Amino acid sequence: MPKILLAEDDNDMRSFLVRALTNAGYEVVSFDNGRSAYERLREEPFELLLTDIVMPEMDGIELARRATEIDPELKVMFITGFAAVALNAAAQAPKDAKVLSKPFHLKDLVNEVERLLAA
């Protein structure tokens, strides 16, 4: 079962995402900020980092940069209402990262996760 590390500061959104991904057969470990997610990533491997971009303590782009330094094979997907931020070259987001703009349907999220993990 693929393991997903989820970092999302909105409690309701995080709860919906965990439920949808768990129902789709994934093991999900979730945090409400980037710093806590990063600390967990240092302790165990994950197949996918699913992160919001705008979060307290450590934003999603910084989290993704640090996470891929630890594990260059880690797949990254940003979920955000600010897609232009992730696509900005100056942001230095991991080059293969996928961006899913809010709002999105949970089915679309699961489909994108499946595609990314199969790649």
PDB file of N, CA and C in Angstrom:
ATOM      1  N   MET A   1       0.848  -1.182   0.000  1.00  0.00           N
ATOM      2  CA  MET A   1       0.000   0.000   0.000  1.00  0.00           C
ATOM      3  C   MET A   1       0.897   1.250   0.000  1.00  0.00           C
ATOM      4  N   PRO A   2       0.802   2.102  -1.027  1.00  0.00           N
ATOM      5  CA  PRO A   2       1.628   3.310  -1.077  1.00  0.00           C
ATOM      6  C   PRO A   2       1.324   4.244   0.092  1.00  0.00           C
ATOM      7  N   LYS A   3       2.383   4.845   0.626  1.00  0.00           N
ATOM      8  CA  LYS A   3       2.243   5.774   1.746  1.00  0.00           C
ATOM      9  C   LYS A   3       2.358   7.207   1.259  1.00  0.00           C
ATOM     10  N   ILE A   4       1.402   8.011   1.704  1.00  0.00           N
ATOM     11  CA  ILE A   4       1.336   9.414   1.320  1.00  0.00           C
ATOM     12  C   ILE A   4       1.522  10.271   2.561  1.00  0.00           C
ATOM     13  N   LEU A   5       2.405  11.258   2.456  1.00  0.00           N
ATOM     14  CA  LEU A   5       2.568  12.247   3.505  1.00  0.00           C
ATOM     15  C   LEU A   5       1.796  13.482   3.067  1.00  0.00           C
ATOM     16  N   LEU A   6       0.815  13.879   3.857  1.00  0.00           N
ATOM     17  CA  LEU A   6      -0.057  15.004   3.535  1.00  0.00           C
ATOM     18  C   LEU A   6       0.223  16.166   4.480  1.00  0.00           C
ATOM     19  N   ALA A   7       0.458  17.335   3.918  1.00  0.00           N
ATOM     20  CA  ALA A   7       0.621  18.556   4.703  1.00  0.00           C
ATOM     21  C   ALA A   7      -0.403  19.572   4.212  1.00  0.00           C
ATOM     22  N   GLU A   8      -1.387  19.866   5.052  1.00  0.00           N
ATOM     23  CA  GLU A   8      -2.484  20.782   4.701  1.00  0.00           C
ATOM     24  C   GLU A   8      -2.937  21.462   5.990  1.00  0.00           C
ATOM     25  N   ASP A   9      -2.890  22.791   6.030  1.00  0.00           N
ATOM     26  CA  ASP A   9      -3.216  23.501   7.270  1.00  0.00           C
ATOM     27  C   ASP A   9      -4.714  23.685   7.506  1.00  0.00           C
ATOM     28  N   ASP A  10      -5.532  23.520   6.494  1.00  0.00           N
ATOM     29  CA  ASP A  10      -6.985  23.634   6.666  1.00  0.00           C
ATOM     30  C   ASP A  10      -7.528  22.300   7.184  1.00  0.00           C
ATOM     31  N   ASN A  11      -8.061  22.321   8.394  1.00  0.00           N
ATOM     32  CA  ASN A  11      -8.519  21.084   9.044  1.00  0.00           C
ATOM     33  C   ASN A  11      -9.567  20.327   8.242  1.00  0.00           C
ATOM     34  N   ASP A  12     -10.562  21.053   7.712  1.00  0.00           N
ATOM     35  CA  ASP A  12     -11.625  20.397   6.954  1.00  0.00           C
ATOM     36  C   ASP A  12     -11.084  19.777   5.667  1.00  0.00           C
ATOM     37  N   MET A  13     -10.251  20.538   4.955  1.00  0.00           N
ATOM     38  CA  MET A  13      -9.663  20.030   3.715  1.00  0.00           C
ATOM     39  C   MET A  13      -8.796  18.801   4.011  1.00  0.00           C
ATOM     40  N   ARG A  14      -7.984  18.882   5.060  1.00  0.00           N
ATOM     41  CA  ARG A  14      -7.115  17.759   5.422  1.00  0.00           C
ATOM     42  C   ARG A  14      -7.947  16.516   5.719  1.00  0.00           C
ATOM     43  N   SER A  15      -9.027  16.687   6.445  1.00  0.00           N
ATOM     44  CA  SER A  15      -9.900  15.568   6.781  1.00  0.00           C
ATOM     45  C   SER A  15     -10.509  14.933   5.535  1.00  0.00           C
ATOM     46  N   PHE A  16     -10.986  15.768   4.603  1.00  0.00           N
ATOM     47  CA  PHE A  16     -11.558  15.261   3.345  1.00  0.00           C
ATOM     48  C   PHE A  16     -10.512  14.502   2.538  1.00  0.00           C
ATOM     49  N   LEU A  17      -9.312  15.064   2.456  1.00  0.00           N
ATOM     50  CA  LEU A  17      -8.251  14.433   1.677  1.00  0.00           C
ATOM     51  C   LEU A  17      -7.845  13.094   2.275  1.00  0.00           C
ATOM     52  N   VAL A  18      -7.696  13.054   3.581  1.00  0.00           N
ATOM     53  CA  VAL A  18      -7.329  11.796   4.243  1.00  0.00           C
ATOM     54  C   VAL A  18      -8.389  10.739   3.973  1.00  0.00           C
ATOM     55  N   ARG A  19      -9.650  11.107   4.108  1.00  0.00           N
ATOM     56  CA  ARG A  19     -10.746  10.155   3.904  1.00  0.00           C
ATOM     57  C   ARG A  19     -10.754   9.638   2.460  1.00  0.00           C
ATOM     58  N   ALA A  20     -10.634  10.545   1.496  1.00  0.00           N
ATOM     59  CA  ALA A  20     -10.679  10.145   0.083  1.00  0.00           C
ATOM     60  C   ALA A  20      -9.517   9.230  -0.266  1.00  0.00           C
ATOM     61  N   LEU A  21      -8.324   9.567   0.180  1.00  0.00           N
ATOM     62  CA  LEU A  21      -7.146   8.774  -0.160  1.00  0.00           C
ATOM     63  C   LEU A  21      -7.124   7.438   0.575  1.00  0.00           C
ATOM     64  N   THR A  22      -7.592   7.428   1.803  1.00  0.00           N
ATOM     65  CA  THR A  22      -7.682   6.172   2.559  1.00  0.00           C
ATOM     66  C   THR A  22      -8.691   5.237   1.896  1.00  0.00           C
ATOM     67  N   ASN A  23      -9.827   5.790   1.486  1.00  0.00           N
ATOM     68  CA  ASN A  23     -10.849   4.987   0.803  1.00  0.00           C
ATOM     69  C   ASN A  23     -10.339   4.445  -0.531  1.00  0.00           C
ATOM     70  N   ALA A  24      -9.370   5.140  -1.133  1.00  0.00           N
ATOM     71  CA  ALA A  24      -8.801   4.697  -2.408  1.00  0.00           C
ATOM     72  C   ALA A  24      -7.674   3.676  -2.203  1.00  0.00           C
ATOM     73  N   GLY A  25      -7.389   3.353  -0.936  1.00  0.00           N
ATOM     74  CA  GLY A  25      -6.409   2.306  -0.664  1.00  0.00           C
ATOM     75  C   GLY A  25      -5.016   2.774  -0.286  1.00  0.00           C
ATOM     76  N   TYR A  26      -4.878   4.047   0.021  1.00  0.00           N
ATOM     77  CA  TYR A  26      -3.568   4.575   0.403  1.00  0.00           C
ATOM     78  C   TYR A  26      -3.458   4.700   1.914  1.00  0.00           C
ATOM     79  N   GLU A  27      -2.241   4.569   2.401  1.00  0.00           N
ATOM     80  CA  GLU A  27      -1.953   4.869   3.799  1.00  0.00           C
ATOM     81  C   GLU A  27      -1.565   6.337   3.839  1.00  0.00           C
ATOM     82  N   VAL A  28      -2.240   7.126   4.669  1.00  0.00           N
ATOM     83  CA  VAL A  28      -2.010   8.561   4.708  1.00  0.00           C
ATOM     84  C   VAL A  28      -1.605   8.991   6.113  1.00  0.00           C
ATOM     85  N   VAL A  29      -0.495   9.725   6.192  1.00  0.00           N
ATOM     86  CA  VAL A  29      -0.056  10.346   7.433  1.00  0.00           C
ATOM     87  C   VAL A  29      -0.170  11.842   7.195  1.00  0.00           C
ATOM     88  N   SER A  30      -0.922  12.544   8.052  1.00  0.00           N
ATOM     89  CA  SER A  30      -1.193  13.955   7.767  1.00  0.00           C
ATOM     90  C   SER A  30      -0.739  14.881   8.888  1.00  0.00           C
ATOM     91  N   PHE A  31      -0.390  16.101   8.473  1.00  0.00           N
ATOM     92  CA  PHE A  31       0.056  17.143   9.388  1.00  0.00           C
ATOM     93  C   PHE A  31      -0.546  18.475   8.971  1.00  0.00           C
ATOM     94  N   ASP A  32      -0.647  19.392   9.941  1.00  0.00           N
ATOM     95  CA  ASP A  32      -1.244  20.698   9.652  1.00  0.00           C
ATOM     96  C   ASP A  32      -0.213  21.775   9.346  1.00  0.00           C
ATOM     97  N   ASN A  33       1.070  21.382   9.235  1.00  0.00           N
ATOM     98  CA  ASN A  33       2.088  22.349   8.854  1.00  0.00           C
ATOM     99  C   ASN A  33       3.281  21.638   8.231  1.00  0.00           C
ATOM    100  N   GLY A  34       4.062  22.385   7.483  1.00  0.00           N
ATOM    101  CA  GLY A  34       5.182  21.811   6.764  1.00  0.00           C
ATOM    102  C   GLY A  34       6.302  21.311   7.660  1.00  0.00           C
ATOM    103  N   ARG A  35       6.564  22.012   8.748  1.00  0.00           N
ATOM    104  CA  ARG A  35       7.669  21.624   9.623  1.00  0.00           C
ATOM    105  C   ARG A  35       7.440  20.244  10.232  1.00  0.00           C
ATOM    106  N   SER A  36       6.247  19.992  10.732  1.00  0.00           N
ATOM    107  CA  SER A  36       5.933  18.683  11.318  1.00  0.00           C
ATOM    108  C   SER A  36       6.000  17.584  10.261  1.00  0.00           C
ATOM    109  N   ALA A  37       5.507  17.882   9.066  1.00  0.00           N
ATOM    110  CA  ALA A  37       5.558  16.900   7.977  1.00  0.00           C
ATOM    111  C   ALA A  37       7.006  16.573   7.625  1.00  0.00           C
ATOM    112  N   TYR A  38       7.842  17.585   7.586  1.00  0.00           N
ATOM    113  CA  TYR A  38       9.254  17.379   7.269  1.00  0.00           C
ATOM    114  C   TYR A  38       9.930  16.491   8.318  1.00  0.00           C
ATOM    115  N   GLU A  39       9.634  16.754   9.582  1.00  0.00           N
ATOM    116  CA  GLU A  39      10.228  15.943  10.647  1.00  0.00           C
ATOM    117  C   GLU A  39       9.832  14.472  10.503  1.00  0.00           C
ATOM    118  N   ARG A  40       8.588  14.214  10.137  1.00  0.00           N
ATOM    119  CA  ARG A  40       8.129  12.835   9.947  1.00  0.00           C
ATOM    120  C   ARG A  40       8.815  12.198   8.744  1.00  0.00           C
ATOM    121  N   LEU A  41       8.988  12.962   7.689  1.00  0.00           N
ATOM    122  CA  LEU A  41       9.640  12.455   6.488  1.00  0.00           C
ATOM    123  C   LEU A  41      11.085  12.047   6.769  1.00  0.00           C
ATOM    124  N   ARG A  42      11.705  12.707   7.703  1.00  0.00           N
ATOM    125  CA  ARG A  42      13.075  12.360   8.072  1.00  0.00           C
ATOM    126  C   ARG A  42      13.129  11.026   8.811  1.00  0.00           C
ATOM    127  N   GLU A  43      11.992  10.585   9.349  1.00  0.00           N
ATOM    128  CA  GLU A  43      11.940   9.356  10.136  1.00  0.00           C
ATOM    129  C   GLU A  43      11.592   8.120   9.314  1.00  0.00           C
ATOM    130  N   GLU A  44      10.819   8.284   8.244  1.00  0.00           N
ATOM    131  CA  GLU A  44      10.387   7.139   7.438  1.00  0.00           C
ATOM    132  C   GLU A  44      10.124   7.543   6.004  1.00  0.00           C
ATOM    133  N   PRO A  45      10.241   6.586   5.076  1.00  0.00           N
ATOM    134  CA  PRO A  45      10.036   6.904   3.657  1.00  0.00           C
ATOM    135  C   PRO A  45       8.544   6.950   3.278  1.00  0.00           C
ATOM    136  N   PHE A  46       8.256   7.762   2.289  1.00  0.00           N
ATOM    137  CA  PHE A  46       6.921   7.868   1.708  1.00  0.00           C
ATOM    138  C   PHE A  46       7.067   7.821   0.196  1.00  0.00           C
ATOM    139  N   GLU A  47       5.991   7.438  -0.500  1.00  0.00           N
ATOM    140  CA  GLU A  47       6.006   7.423  -1.961  1.00  0.00           C
ATOM    141  C   GLU A  47       5.609   8.773  -2.539  1.00  0.00           C
ATOM    142  N   LEU A  48       4.765   9.512  -1.796  1.00  0.00           N
ATOM    143  CA  LEU A  48       4.232  10.772  -2.314  1.00  0.00           C
ATOM    144  C   LEU A  48       4.123  11.797  -1.199  1.00  0.00           C
ATOM    145  N   LEU A  49       4.540  13.017  -1.515  1.00  0.00           N
ATOM    146  CA  LEU A  49       4.298  14.166  -0.654  1.00  0.00           C
ATOM    147  C   LEU A  49       3.184  14.959  -1.311  1.00  0.00           C
ATOM    148  N   LEU A  50       2.074  15.098  -0.614  1.00  0.00           N
ATOM    149  CA  LEU A  50       0.928  15.875  -1.078  1.00  0.00           C
ATOM    150  C   LEU A  50       0.838  17.071  -0.147  1.00  0.00           C
ATOM    151  N   THR A  51       1.101  18.264  -0.675  1.00  0.00           N
ATOM    152  CA  THR A  51       1.196  19.421   0.209  1.00  0.00           C
ATOM    153  C   THR A  51       0.524  20.665  -0.342  1.00  0.00           C
ATOM    154  N   ASP A  52      -0.081  21.395   0.569  1.00  0.00           N
ATOM    155  CA  ASP A  52      -0.566  22.728   0.252  1.00  0.00           C
ATOM    156  C   ASP A  52       0.683  23.598   0.087  1.00  0.00           C
ATOM    157  N   ILE A  53       0.558  24.717  -0.587  1.00  0.00           N
ATOM    158  CA  ILE A  53       1.717  25.601  -0.734  1.00  0.00           C
ATOM    159  C   ILE A  53       1.778  26.603   0.407  1.00  0.00           C
ATOM    160  N   VAL A  54       0.665  27.259   0.686  1.00  0.00           N
ATOM    161  CA  VAL A  54       0.649  28.305   1.700  1.00  0.00           C
ATOM    162  C   VAL A  54       0.261  27.686   3.047  1.00  0.00           C
ATOM    163  N   MET A  55       1.277  27.585   3.934  1.00  0.00           N
ATOM    164  CA  MET A  55       1.072  27.006   5.269  1.00  0.00           C
ATOM    165  C   MET A  55       1.964  27.734   6.259  1.00  0.00           C
ATOM    166  N   PRO A  56       1.614  27.651   7.549  1.00  0.00           N
ATOM    167  CA  PRO A  56       2.468  28.254   8.567  1.00  0.00           C
ATOM    168  C   PRO A  56       3.732  27.410   8.808  1.00  0.00           C
ATOM    169  N   GLU A  57       4.714  28.031   9.382  1.00  0.00           N
ATOM    170  CA  GLU A  57       5.972  27.412   9.817  1.00  0.00           C
ATOM    171  C   GLU A  57       6.911  27.039   8.682  1.00  0.00           C
ATOM    172  N   MET A  58       6.439  26.321   7.675  1.00  0.00           N
ATOM    173  CA  MET A  58       7.237  26.003   6.491  1.00  0.00           C
ATOM    174  C   MET A  58       6.262  25.832   5.340  1.00  0.00           C
ATOM    175  N   ASP A  59       6.431  26.619   4.275  1.00  0.00           N
ATOM    176  CA  ASP A  59       5.477  26.499   3.174  1.00  0.00           C
ATOM    177  C   ASP A  59       5.722  25.216   2.382  1.00  0.00           C
ATOM    178  N   GLY A  60       4.793  24.881   1.524  1.00  0.00           N
ATOM    179  CA  GLY A  60       4.847  23.626   0.795  1.00  0.00           C
ATOM    180  C   GLY A  60       6.013  23.523  -0.169  1.00  0.00           C
ATOM    181  N   ILE A  61       6.426  24.644  -0.747  1.00  0.00           N
ATOM    182  CA  ILE A  61       7.552  24.599  -1.689  1.00  0.00           C
ATOM    183  C   ILE A  61       8.850  24.296  -0.947  1.00  0.00           C
ATOM    184  N   GLU A  62       9.046  24.952   0.191  1.00  0.00           N
ATOM    185  CA  GLU A  62      10.233  24.671   0.997  1.00  0.00           C
ATOM    186  C   GLU A  62      10.209  23.220   1.490  1.00  0.00           C
ATOM    187  N   LEU A  63       9.044  22.766   1.925  1.00  0.00           N
ATOM    188  CA  LEU A  63       8.895  21.373   2.354  1.00  0.00           C
ATOM    189  C   LEU A  63       9.282  20.427   1.225  1.00  0.00           C
ATOM    190  N   ALA A  64       8.785  20.687   0.020  1.00  0.00           N
ATOM    191  CA  ALA A  64       9.075  19.819  -1.120  1.00  0.00           C
ATOM    192  C   ALA A  64      10.559  19.828  -1.465  1.00  0.00           C
ATOM    193  N   ARG A  65      11.184  21.008  -1.426  1.00  0.00           N
ATOM    194  CA  ARG A  65      12.627  21.091  -1.701  1.00  0.00           C
ATOM    195  C   ARG A  65      13.421  20.253  -0.712  1.00  0.00           C
ATOM    196  N   ARG A  66      13.119  20.430   0.559  1.00  0.00           N
ATOM    197  CA  ARG A  66      13.851  19.694   1.595  1.00  0.00           C
ATOM    198  C   ARG A  66      13.566  18.194   1.512  1.00  0.00           C
ATOM    199  N   ALA A  67      12.304  17.855   1.239  1.00  0.00           N
ATOM    200  CA  ALA A  67      11.907  16.440   1.175  1.00  0.00           C
ATOM    201  C   ALA A  67      12.614  15.722   0.035  1.00  0.00           C
ATOM    202  N   THR A  68      12.736  16.384  -1.112  1.00  0.00           N
ATOM    203  CA  THR A  68      13.391  15.733  -2.250  1.00  0.00           C
ATOM    204  C   THR A  68      14.913  15.712  -2.097  1.00  0.00           C
ATOM    205  N   GLU A  69      15.459  16.516  -1.207  1.00  0.00           N
ATOM    206  CA  GLU A  69      16.883  16.392  -0.864  1.00  0.00           C
ATOM    207  C   GLU A  69      17.106  15.101  -0.081  1.00  0.00           C
ATOM    208  N   ILE A  70      16.167  14.775   0.802  1.00  0.00           N
ATOM    209  CA  ILE A  70      16.253  13.536   1.586  1.00  0.00           C
ATOM    210  C   ILE A  70      16.013  12.333   0.685  1.00  0.00           C
ATOM    211  N   ASP A  71      14.970  12.426  -0.150  1.00  0.00           N
ATOM    212  CA  ASP A  71      14.589  11.309  -1.016  1.00  0.00           C
ATOM    213  C   ASP A  71      14.314  11.831  -2.434  1.00  0.00           C
ATOM    214  N   PRO A  72      15.329  11.786  -3.304  1.00  0.00           N
ATOM    215  CA  PRO A  72      15.146  12.298  -4.674  1.00  0.00           C
ATOM    216  C   PRO A  72      14.071  11.554  -5.474  1.00  0.00           C
ATOM    217  N   GLU A  73      13.694  10.346  -5.044  1.00  0.00           N
ATOM    218  CA  GLU A  73      12.667   9.570  -5.738  1.00  0.00           C
ATOM    219  C   GLU A  73      11.249   9.931  -5.290  1.00  0.00           C
ATOM    220  N   LEU A  74      11.126  10.729  -4.242  1.00  0.00           N
ATOM    221  CA  LEU A  74       9.817  11.105  -3.709  1.00  0.00           C
ATOM    222  C   LEU A  74       9.040  11.891  -4.755  1.00  0.00           C
ATOM    223  N   LYS A  75       7.814  11.492  -4.990  1.00  0.00           N
ATOM    224  CA  LYS A  75       6.945  12.223  -5.909  1.00  0.00           C
ATOM    225  C   LYS A  75       6.251  13.333  -5.117  1.00  0.00           C
ATOM    226  N   VAL A  76       6.024  14.459  -5.777  1.00  0.00           N
ATOM    227  CA  VAL A  76       5.462  15.632  -5.108  1.00  0.00           C
ATOM    228  C   VAL A  76       4.255  16.137  -5.871  1.00  0.00           C
ATOM    229  N   MET A  77       3.186  16.416  -5.121  1.00  0.00           N
ATOM    230  CA  MET A  77       2.009  17.065  -5.698  1.00  0.00           C
ATOM    231  C   MET A  77       1.605  18.216  -4.780  1.00  0.00           C
ATOM    232  N   PHE A  78       1.458  19.404  -5.385  1.00  0.00           N
ATOM    233  CA  PHE A  78       0.972  20.564  -4.653  1.00  0.00           C
ATOM    234  C   PHE A  78      -0.528  20.680  -4.851  1.00  0.00           C
ATOM    235  N   ILE A  79      -1.227  21.000  -3.769  1.00  0.00           N
ATOM    236  CA  ILE A  79      -2.649  21.325  -3.855  1.00  0.00           C
ATOM    237  C   ILE A  79      -2.759  22.766  -3.362  1.00  0.00           C
ATOM    238  N   THR A  80      -3.315  23.620  -4.192  1.00  0.00           N
ATOM    239  CA  THR A  80      -3.290  25.027  -3.821  1.00  0.00           C
ATOM    240  C   THR A  80      -4.332  25.855  -4.548  1.00  0.00           C
ATOM    241  N   GLY A  81      -4.687  26.938  -3.945  1.00  0.00           N
ATOM    242  CA  GLY A  81      -5.516  27.945  -4.582  1.00  0.00           C
ATOM    243  C   GLY A  81      -4.647  28.989  -5.264  1.00  0.00           C
ATOM    244  N   PHE A  82      -3.317  28.821  -5.137  1.00  0.00           N
ATOM    245  CA  PHE A  82      -2.359  29.784  -5.669  1.00  0.00           C
ATOM    246  C   PHE A  82      -1.421  29.095  -6.651  1.00  0.00           C
ATOM    247  N   ALA A  83      -1.955  28.509  -7.707  1.00  0.00           N
ATOM    248  CA  ALA A  83      -1.161  27.712  -8.652  1.00  0.00           C
ATOM    249  C   ALA A  83      -0.012  28.500  -9.259  1.00  0.00           C
ATOM    250  N   ALA A  84      -0.197  29.795  -9.478  1.00  0.00           N
ATOM    251  CA  ALA A  84       0.865  30.591 -10.093  1.00  0.00           C
ATOM    252  C   ALA A  84       2.128  30.595  -9.236  1.00  0.00           C
ATOM    253  N   VAL A  85       1.977  30.497  -7.925  1.00  0.00           N
ATOM    254  CA  VAL A  85       3.133  30.474  -7.039  1.00  0.00           C
ATOM    255  C   VAL A  85       3.981  29.240  -7.324  1.00  0.00           C
ATOM    256  N   ALA A  86       3.349  28.090  -7.455  1.00  0.00           N
ATOM    257  CA  ALA A  86       4.082  26.843  -7.676  1.00  0.00           C
ATOM    258  C   ALA A  86       4.737  26.825  -9.044  1.00  0.00           C
ATOM    259  N   LEU A  87       4.122  27.471  -9.999  1.00  0.00           N
ATOM    260  CA  LEU A  87       4.637  27.432 -11.360  1.00  0.00           C
ATOM    261  C   LEU A  87       5.721  28.470 -11.610  1.00  0.00           C
ATOM    262  N   ASN A  88       5.912  29.387 -10.678  1.00  0.00           N
ATOM    263  CA  ASN A  88       6.930  30.407 -10.794  1.00  0.00           C
ATOM    264  C   ASN A  88       8.309  29.764 -10.690  1.00  0.00           C
ATOM    265  N   ALA A  89       9.150  29.944 -11.691  1.00  0.00           N
ATOM    266  CA  ALA A  89      10.478  29.323 -11.707  1.00  0.00           C
ATOM    267  C   ALA A  89      11.321  29.762 -10.515  1.00  0.00           C
ATOM    268  N   ALA A  90      11.125  30.975 -10.052  1.00  0.00           N
ATOM    269  CA  ALA A  90      11.908  31.474  -8.931  1.00  0.00           C
ATOM    270  C   ALA A  90      11.570  30.750  -7.626  1.00  0.00           C
ATOM    271  N   ALA A  91      10.427  30.106  -7.587  1.00  0.00           N
ATOM    272  CA  ALA A  91      10.016  29.393  -6.369  1.00  0.00           C
ATOM    273  C   ALA A  91      10.864  28.143  -6.141  1.00  0.00           C
ATOM    274  N   GLN A  92      11.509  27.642  -7.180  1.00  0.00           N
ATOM    275  CA  GLN A  92      12.387  26.474  -7.108  1.00  0.00           C
ATOM    276  C   GLN A  92      11.668  25.228  -6.599  1.00  0.00           C
ATOM    277  N   ALA A  93      10.443  25.038  -7.029  1.00  0.00           N
ATOM    278  CA  ALA A  93       9.721  23.817  -6.696  1.00  0.00           C
ATOM    279  C   ALA A  93      10.385  22.657  -7.438  1.00  0.00           C
ATOM    280  N   PRO A  94      10.306  21.432  -6.894  1.00  0.00           N
ATOM    281  CA  PRO A  94      10.869  20.278  -7.616  1.00  0.00           C
ATOM    282  C   PRO A  94      10.320  20.223  -9.041  1.00  0.00           C
ATOM    283  N   LYS A  95      11.197  19.927 -10.005  1.00  0.00           N
ATOM    284  CA  LYS A  95      10.843  20.062 -11.419  1.00  0.00           C
ATOM    285  C   LYS A  95       9.729  19.133 -11.883  1.00  0.00           C
ATOM    286  N   ASP A  96       9.583  17.973 -11.275  1.00  0.00           N
ATOM    287  CA  ASP A  96       8.549  17.028 -11.691  1.00  0.00           C
ATOM    288  C   ASP A  96       7.279  17.122 -10.851  1.00  0.00           C
ATOM    289  N   ALA A  97       7.184  18.140 -10.024  1.00  0.00           N
ATOM    290  CA  ALA A  97       6.020  18.267  -9.148  1.00  0.00           C
ATOM    291  C   ALA A  97       4.758  18.539  -9.963  1.00  0.00           C
ATOM    292  N   LYS A  98       3.676  17.966  -9.521  1.00  0.00           N
ATOM    293  CA  LYS A  98       2.358  18.164 -10.121  1.00  0.00           C
ATOM    294  C   LYS A  98       1.632  19.226  -9.304  1.00  0.00           C
ATOM    295  N   VAL A  99       0.825  20.049  -9.950  1.00  0.00           N
ATOM    296  CA  VAL A  99       0.040  21.061  -9.247  1.00  0.00           C
ATOM    297  C   VAL A  99      -1.436  20.804  -9.519  1.00  0.00           C
ATOM    298  N   LEU A 100      -2.204  20.675  -8.452  1.00  0.00           N
ATOM    299  CA  LEU A 100      -3.652  20.514  -8.554  1.00  0.00           C
ATOM    300  C   LEU A 100      -4.276  21.740  -7.895  1.00  0.00           C
ATOM    301  N   SER A 101      -4.976  22.546  -8.691  1.00  0.00           N
ATOM    302  CA  SER A 101      -5.543  23.790  -8.187  1.00  0.00           C
ATOM    303  C   SER A 101      -6.877  23.561  -7.495  1.00  0.00           C
ATOM    304  N   LYS A 102      -7.052  24.238  -6.348  1.00  0.00           N
ATOM    305  CA  LYS A 102      -8.334  24.222  -5.644  1.00  0.00           C
ATOM    306  C   LYS A 102      -9.258  25.198  -6.371  1.00  0.00           C
ATOM    307  N   PRO A 103     -10.546  24.936  -6.399  1.00  0.00           N
ATOM    308  CA  PRO A 103     -11.198  23.725  -5.887  1.00  0.00           C
ATOM    309  C   PRO A 103     -11.060  22.569  -6.873  1.00  0.00           C
ATOM    310  N   PHE A 104     -11.055  21.369  -6.350  1.00  0.00           N
ATOM    311  CA  PHE A 104     -11.007  20.181  -7.191  1.00  0.00           C
ATOM    312  C   PHE A 104     -11.927  19.132  -6.585  1.00  0.00           C
ATOM    313  N   HIS A 105     -12.357  18.204  -7.413  1.00  0.00           N
ATOM    314  CA  HIS A 105     -13.199  17.107  -6.958  1.00  0.00           C
ATOM    315  C   HIS A 105     -12.287  16.039  -6.377  1.00  0.00           C
ATOM    316  N   LEU A 106     -12.714  15.399  -5.304  1.00  0.00           N
ATOM    317  CA  LEU A 106     -11.878  14.382  -4.665  1.00  0.00           C
ATOM    318  C   LEU A 106     -11.538  13.240  -5.620  1.00  0.00           C
ATOM    319  N   LYS A 107     -12.456  12.923  -6.523  1.00  0.00           N
ATOM    320  CA  LYS A 107     -12.186  11.880  -7.523  1.00  0.00           C
ATOM    321  C   LYS A 107     -11.016  12.286  -8.421  1.00  0.00           C
ATOM    322  N   ASP A 108     -10.963  13.575  -8.775  1.00  0.00           N
ATOM    323  CA  ASP A 108      -9.851  14.074  -9.590  1.00  0.00           C
ATOM    324  C   ASP A 108      -8.531  13.961  -8.839  1.00  0.00           C
ATOM    325  N   LEU A 109      -8.562  14.258  -7.549  1.00  0.00           N
ATOM    326  CA  LEU A 109      -7.357  14.126  -6.738  1.00  0.00           C
ATOM    327  C   LEU A 109      -6.866  12.684  -6.744  1.00  0.00           C
ATOM    328  N   VAL A 110      -7.748  11.744  -6.484  1.00  0.00           N
ATOM    329  CA  VAL A 110      -7.375  10.328  -6.446  1.00  0.00           C
ATOM    330  C   VAL A 110      -6.823   9.896  -7.806  1.00  0.00           C
ATOM    331  N   ASN A 111      -7.468  10.332  -8.892  1.00  0.00           N
ATOM    332  CA  ASN A 111      -6.975   9.986 -10.231  1.00  0.00           C
ATOM    333  C   ASN A 111      -5.570  10.536 -10.477  1.00  0.00           C
ATOM    334  N   GLU A 112      -5.330  11.777 -10.072  1.00  0.00           N
ATOM    335  CA  GLU A 112      -4.011  12.396 -10.248  1.00  0.00           C
ATOM    336  C   GLU A 112      -2.953  11.684  -9.397  1.00  0.00           C
ATOM    337  N   VAL A 113      -3.313  11.314  -8.192  1.00  0.00           N
ATOM    338  CA  VAL A 113      -2.386  10.580  -7.317  1.00  0.00           C
ATOM    339  C   VAL A 113      -2.035   9.244  -7.952  1.00  0.00           C
ATOM    340  N   GLU A 114      -3.042   8.541  -8.466  1.00  0.00           N
ATOM    341  CA  GLU A 114      -2.796   7.248  -9.124  1.00  0.00           C
ATOM    342  C   GLU A 114      -1.858   7.401 -10.310  1.00  0.00           C
ATOM    343  N   ARG A 115      -2.089   8.433 -11.133  1.00  0.00           N
ATOM    344  CA  ARG A 115      -1.228   8.690 -12.296  1.00  0.00           C
ATOM    345  C   ARG A 115       0.203   8.995 -11.884  1.00  0.00           C
ATOM    346  N   LEU A 116       0.350   9.834 -10.886  1.00  0.00           N
ATOM    347  CA  LEU A 116       1.676  10.237 -10.440  1.00  0.00           C
ATOM    348  C   LEU A 116       2.447   9.049  -9.860  1.00  0.00           C
ATOM    349  N   LEU A 117       1.778   8.242  -9.072  1.00  0.00           N
ATOM    350  CA  LEU A 117       2.451   7.082  -8.471  1.00  0.00           C
ATOM    351  C   LEU A 117       2.785   6.002  -9.513  1.00  0.00           C
ATOM    352  N   ALA A 118       1.993   5.944 -10.574  1.00  0.00           N
ATOM    353  CA  ALA A 118       2.240   4.928 -11.628  1.00  0.00           C
ATOM    354  C   ALA A 118       3.377   5.349 -12.566  1.00  0.00           C
ATOM    355  N   ALA A 119       3.670   6.651 -12.584  1.00  0.00           N
ATOM    356  CA  ALA A 119       4.697   7.175 -13.511  1.00  0.00           C
ATOM    357  C   ALA A 119       6.091   6.703 -13.142  1.00  0.00           C
TER     358      ALA A 119
END
